[in-house]
Amino acid sequence: MAEENWVSVAKRSAINPGDVLGVRLGEREIALYNLDGEIYATDNLCTHAFALLSQGWLDGETIECPLHGGRFEVKTGKGLGPPINDDLKTYPVRVIGDDVQIRFE
Protein backbone atom coordinates (compact mmCIF):
# COMPACT_ATOMS: atom_id res chain seq x y z
CA MET A 1 0.00 0.00 0.00
CA ALA A 2 1.39 3.38 -0.97
CA GLU A 3 2.66 5.30 2.04
CA GLU A 4 1.48 8.60 0.56
CA ASN A 5 -2.17 7.50 0.94
CA TRP A 6 -1.91 7.84 4.74
CA VAL A 7 -2.67 11.30 6.11
CA SER A 8 -2.32 12.56 9.69
CA VAL A 9 -5.64 14.05 10.78
CA ALA A 10 -5.45 14.41 14.58
CA LYS A 11 -3.52 13.66 17.74
CA ARG A 12 -4.44 10.45 19.55
CA SER A 13 -4.28 12.29 22.87
CA ALA A 14 -7.16 14.55 21.69
CA ILE A 15 -9.66 11.66 21.54
CA ASN A 16 -10.53 10.13 24.90
CA PRO A 17 -12.33 6.77 25.15
CA GLY A 18 -16.01 7.26 24.30
CA ASP A 19 -15.35 10.52 22.46
CA VAL A 20 -16.00 11.62 18.88
CA LEU A 21 -13.85 14.24 17.18
CA GLY A 22 -14.74 15.98 13.93
CA VAL A 23 -11.85 16.98 11.67
CA ARG A 24 -11.73 18.65 8.29
CA LEU A 25 -9.29 17.55 5.63
CA GLY A 26 -9.63 19.72 2.54
CA GLU A 27 -13.26 19.35 1.50
CA ARG A 28 -13.78 16.18 3.56
CA GLU A 29 -15.46 16.11 6.95
CA ILE A 30 -14.22 13.12 8.96
CA ALA A 31 -15.42 11.80 12.33
CA LEU A 32 -12.92 9.99 14.55
CA TYR A 33 -14.20 7.72 17.31
CA ASN A 34 -12.41 6.20 20.29
CA LEU A 35 -14.07 2.88 21.12
CA ASP A 36 -12.30 1.39 24.13
CA GLY A 37 -8.91 2.66 22.95
CA GLU A 38 -9.34 1.74 19.26
CA ILE A 39 -9.72 4.62 16.80
CA TYR A 40 -12.21 4.41 13.92
CA ALA A 41 -13.02 6.91 11.15
CA THR A 42 -16.11 7.59 9.04
CA ASP A 43 -17.45 10.45 7.00
CA ASN A 44 -18.74 13.05 9.45
CA LEU A 45 -21.82 14.01 7.44
CA CYS A 46 -25.00 12.04 7.98
CA THR A 47 -26.15 10.37 4.77
CA HIS A 48 -29.76 11.40 5.44
CA ALA A 49 -29.44 15.16 5.91
CA PHE A 50 -26.67 17.71 6.39
CA ALA A 51 -25.63 17.18 10.01
CA LEU A 52 -22.27 16.54 11.62
CA LEU A 53 -22.20 13.17 13.33
CA SER A 54 -19.43 14.40 15.63
CA GLN A 55 -22.11 16.60 17.22
CA GLY A 56 -24.31 13.55 17.83
CA TRP A 57 -24.33 10.92 20.55
CA LEU A 58 -21.97 7.97 20.75
CA ASP A 59 -23.64 5.00 22.45
CA GLY A 60 -21.28 2.05 22.63
CA GLU A 61 -20.40 1.31 18.98
CA THR A 62 -23.29 3.36 17.54
CA ILE A 63 -23.35 7.04 16.58
CA GLU A 64 -26.68 8.88 16.51
CA CYS A 65 -27.19 11.87 14.24
CA PRO A 66 -28.13 15.04 16.15
CA LEU A 67 -30.66 16.13 13.53
CA HIS A 68 -33.16 13.30 12.96
CA GLY A 69 -31.82 10.54 15.20
CA GLY A 70 -30.50 8.27 12.44
CA ARG A 71 -28.00 5.75 13.76
CA PHE A 72 -24.89 4.10 12.28
CA GLU A 73 -22.52 1.35 13.36
CA VAL A 74 -19.17 3.10 13.85
CA LYS A 75 -16.99 0.12 12.86
CA THR A 76 -18.80 -0.69 9.60
CA GLY A 77 -20.68 2.53 8.71
CA LYS A 78 -23.89 0.50 8.36
CA GLY A 79 -27.09 2.55 8.68
CA LEU A 80 -29.43 1.13 11.31
CA GLY A 81 -32.87 1.86 9.85
CA PRO A 82 -35.02 4.91 9.07
CA PRO A 83 -34.43 7.65 8.29
CA ILE A 84 -31.07 6.26 7.06
CA ASN A 85 -31.08 4.88 3.51
CA ASP A 86 -27.31 4.88 2.82
CA ASP A 87 -24.35 3.62 4.84
CA LEU A 88 -21.43 5.83 5.87
CA LYS A 89 -18.04 5.60 4.22
CA THR A 90 -15.41 4.26 6.63
CA TYR A 91 -11.65 4.75 6.44
CA PRO A 92 -8.71 2.57 7.53
CA VAL A 93 -6.98 4.05 10.58
CA ARG A 94 -3.54 3.65 12.09
CA VAL A 95 -1.83 5.38 15.01
CA ILE A 96 1.86 6.26 14.70
CA GLY A 97 3.13 7.69 17.99
CA ASP A 98 0.46 10.28 18.83
CA ASP A 99 -0.62 10.80 15.21
CA VAL A 100 -3.93 9.39 14.03
CA GLN A 101 -3.69 8.68 10.31
CA ILE A 102 -6.38 7.63 7.86
CA ARG A 103 -5.89 6.13 4.43
CA PHE A 104 -7.59 7.52 1.38
CA GLU A 105 -8.04 5.29 -1.65
C-alpha atoms as a PDB file:
ATOM      1  CA  MET A   1       0.000   0.000   0.000  1.00  0.00           C
ATOM      2  CA  ALA A   2       1.395   3.380  -0.968  1.00  0.00           C
ATOM      3  CA  GLU A   3       2.661   5.299   2.042  1.00  0.00           C
ATOM      4  CA  GLU A   4       1.478   8.604   0.565  1.00  0.00           C
ATOM      5  CA  ASN A   5      -2.166   7.504   0.938  1.00  0.00           C
ATOM      6  CA  TRP A   6      -1.905   7.836   4.742  1.00  0.00           C
ATOM      7  CA  VAL A   7      -2.675  11.301   6.115  1.00  0.00           C
ATOM      8  CA  SER A   8      -2.318  12.565   9.691  1.00  0.00           C
ATOM      9  CA  VAL A   9      -5.638  14.047  10.779  1.00  0.00           C
ATOM     10  CA  ALA A  10      -5.452  14.414  14.578  1.00  0.00           C
ATOM     11  CA  LYS A  11      -3.522  13.656  17.743  1.00  0.00           C
ATOM     12  CA  ARG A  12      -4.440  10.447  19.546  1.00  0.00           C
ATOM     13  CA  SER A  13      -4.277  12.294  22.870  1.00  0.00           C
ATOM     14  CA  ALA A  14      -7.157  14.548  21.687  1.00  0.00           C
ATOM     15  CA  ILE A  15      -9.659  11.663  21.545  1.00  0.00           C
ATOM     16  CA  ASN A  16     -10.535  10.133  24.905  1.00  0.00           C
ATOM     17  CA  PRO A  17     -12.334   6.773  25.151  1.00  0.00           C
ATOM     18  CA  GLY A  18     -16.007   7.256  24.302  1.00  0.00           C
ATOM     19  CA  ASP A  19     -15.349  10.524  22.464  1.00  0.00           C
ATOM     20  CA  VAL A  20     -16.002  11.617  18.882  1.00  0.00           C
ATOM     21  CA  LEU A  21     -13.847  14.245  17.181  1.00  0.00           C
ATOM     22  CA  GLY A  22     -14.741  15.980  13.932  1.00  0.00           C
ATOM     23  CA  VAL A  23     -11.855  16.978  11.669  1.00  0.00           C
ATOM     24  CA  ARG A  24     -11.731  18.655   8.290  1.00  0.00           C
ATOM     25  CA  LEU A  25      -9.290  17.550   5.633  1.00  0.00           C
ATOM     26  CA  GLY A  26      -9.626  19.722   2.537  1.00  0.00           C
ATOM     27  CA  GLU A  27     -13.262  19.346   1.500  1.00  0.00           C
ATOM     28  CA  ARG A  28     -13.778  16.181   3.561  1.00  0.00           C
ATOM     29  CA  GLU A  29     -15.456  16.112   6.950  1.00  0.00           C
ATOM     30  CA  ILE A  30     -14.224  13.122   8.961  1.00  0.00           C
ATOM     31  CA  ALA A  31     -15.420  11.799  12.330  1.00  0.00           C
ATOM     32  CA  LEU A  32     -12.916   9.990  14.554  1.00  0.00           C
ATOM     33  CA  TYR A  33     -14.196   7.716  17.309  1.00  0.00           C
ATOM     34  CA  ASN A  34     -12.407   6.199  20.295  1.00  0.00           C
ATOM     35  CA  LEU A  35     -14.072   2.881  21.119  1.00  0.00           C
ATOM     36  CA  ASP A  36     -12.300   1.386  24.131  1.00  0.00           C
ATOM     37  CA  GLY A  37      -8.910   2.659  22.947  1.00  0.00           C
ATOM     38  CA  GLU A  38      -9.343   1.740  19.260  1.00  0.00           C
ATOM     39  CA  ILE A  39      -9.723   4.619  16.800  1.00  0.00           C
ATOM     40  CA  TYR A  40     -12.212   4.414  13.917  1.00  0.00           C
ATOM     41  CA  ALA A  41     -13.018   6.910  11.149  1.00  0.00           C
ATOM     42  CA  THR A  42     -16.111   7.590   9.045  1.00  0.00           C
ATOM     43  CA  ASP A  43     -17.451  10.451   7.003  1.00  0.00           C
ATOM     44  CA  ASN A  44     -18.739  13.054   9.452  1.00  0.00           C
ATOM     45  CA  LEU A  45     -21.822  14.013   7.442  1.00  0.00           C
ATOM     46  CA  CYS A  46     -25.002  12.038   7.981  1.00  0.00           C
ATOM     47  CA  THR A  47     -26.150  10.368   4.766  1.00  0.00           C
ATOM     48  CA  HIS A  48     -29.765  11.402   5.443  1.00  0.00           C
ATOM     49  CA  ALA A  49     -29.437  15.161   5.910  1.00  0.00           C
ATOM     50  CA  PHE A  50     -26.670  17.710   6.394  1.00  0.00           C
ATOM     51  CA  ALA A  51     -25.635  17.180  10.013  1.00  0.00           C
ATOM     52  CA  LEU A  52     -22.267  16.539  11.617  1.00  0.00           C
ATOM     53  CA  LEU A  53     -22.203  13.167  13.333  1.00  0.00           C
ATOM     54  CA  SER A  54     -19.426  14.396  15.631  1.00  0.00           C
ATOM     55  CA  GLN A  55     -22.114  16.602  17.221  1.00  0.00           C
ATOM     56  CA  GLY A  56     -24.310  13.554  17.833  1.00  0.00           C
ATOM     57  CA  TRP A  57     -24.327  10.917  20.555  1.00  0.00           C
ATOM     58  CA  LEU A  58     -21.974   7.968  20.755  1.00  0.00           C
ATOM     59  CA  ASP A  59     -23.635   4.998  22.454  1.00  0.00           C
ATOM     60  CA  GLY A  60     -21.281   2.048  22.626  1.00  0.00           C
ATOM     61  CA  GLU A  61     -20.404   1.315  18.976  1.00  0.00           C
ATOM     62  CA  THR A  62     -23.294   3.355  17.540  1.00  0.00           C
ATOM     63  CA  ILE A  63     -23.347   7.043  16.576  1.00  0.00           C
ATOM     64  CA  GLU A  64     -26.677   8.878  16.513  1.00  0.00           C
ATOM     65  CA  CYS A  65     -27.189  11.869  14.243  1.00  0.00           C
ATOM     66  CA  PRO A  66     -28.125  15.043  16.154  1.00  0.00           C
ATOM     67  CA  LEU A  67     -30.665  16.132  13.534  1.00  0.00           C
ATOM     68  CA  HIS A  68     -33.161  13.301  12.960  1.00  0.00           C
ATOM     69  CA  GLY A  69     -31.821  10.537  15.196  1.00  0.00           C
ATOM     70  CA  GLY A  70     -30.499   8.271  12.435  1.00  0.00           C
ATOM     71  CA  ARG A  71     -27.995   5.749  13.755  1.00  0.00           C
ATOM     72  CA  PHE A  72     -24.894   4.105  12.276  1.00  0.00           C
ATOM     73  CA  GLU A  73     -22.523   1.353  13.355  1.00  0.00           C
ATOM     74  CA  VAL A  74     -19.173   3.097  13.849  1.00  0.00           C
ATOM     75  CA  LYS A  75     -16.987   0.119  12.859  1.00  0.00           C
ATOM     76  CA  THR A  76     -18.801  -0.687   9.603  1.00  0.00           C
ATOM     77  CA  GLY A  77     -20.683   2.526   8.712  1.00  0.00           C
ATOM     78  CA  LYS A  78     -23.892   0.496   8.363  1.00  0.00           C
ATOM     79  CA  GLY A  79     -27.088   2.547   8.676  1.00  0.00           C
ATOM     80  CA  LEU A  80     -29.431   1.130  11.309  1.00  0.00           C
ATOM     81  CA  GLY A  81     -32.875   1.856   9.855  1.00  0.00           C
ATOM     82  CA  PRO A  82     -35.017   4.909   9.069  1.00  0.00           C
ATOM     83  CA  PRO A  83     -34.428   7.653   8.286  1.00  0.00           C
ATOM     84  CA  ILE A  84     -31.072   6.257   7.057  1.00  0.00           C
ATOM     85  CA  ASN A  85     -31.077   4.878   3.513  1.00  0.00           C
ATOM     86  CA  ASP A  86     -27.310   4.879   2.823  1.00  0.00           C
ATOM     87  CA  ASP A  87     -24.348   3.623   4.836  1.00  0.00           C
ATOM     88  CA  LEU A  88     -21.425   5.827   5.873  1.00  0.00           C
ATOM     89  CA  LYS A  89     -18.036   5.601   4.223  1.00  0.00           C
ATOM     90  CA  THR A  90     -15.408   4.264   6.628  1.00  0.00           C
ATOM     91  CA  TYR A  91     -11.647   4.748   6.444  1.00  0.00           C
ATOM     92  CA  PRO A  92      -8.705   2.572   7.530  1.00  0.00           C
ATOM     93  CA  VAL A  93      -6.978   4.054  10.585  1.00  0.00           C
ATOM     94  CA  ARG A  94      -3.540   3.651  12.090  1.00  0.00           C
ATOM     95  CA  VAL A  95      -1.831   5.375  15.005  1.00  0.00           C
ATOM     96  CA  ILE A  96       1.858   6.257  14.701  1.00  0.00           C
ATOM     97  CA  GLY A  97       3.131   7.687  17.992  1.00  0.00           C
ATOM     98  CA  ASP A  98       0.458  10.275  18.833  1.00  0.00           C
ATOM     99  CA  ASP A  99      -0.615  10.802  15.208  1.00  0.00           C
ATOM    100  CA  VAL A 100      -3.926   9.391  14.027  1.00  0.00           C
ATOM    101  CA  GLN A 101      -3.692   8.676  10.310  1.00  0.00           C
ATOM    102  CA  ILE A 102      -6.375   7.635   7.860  1.00  0.00           C
ATOM    103  CA  ARG A 103      -5.892   6.134   4.430  1.00  0.00           C
ATOM    104  CA  PHE A 104      -7.586   7.521   1.375  1.00  0.00           C
ATOM    105  CA  GLU A 105      -8.037   5.286  -1.649  1.00  0.00           C
END
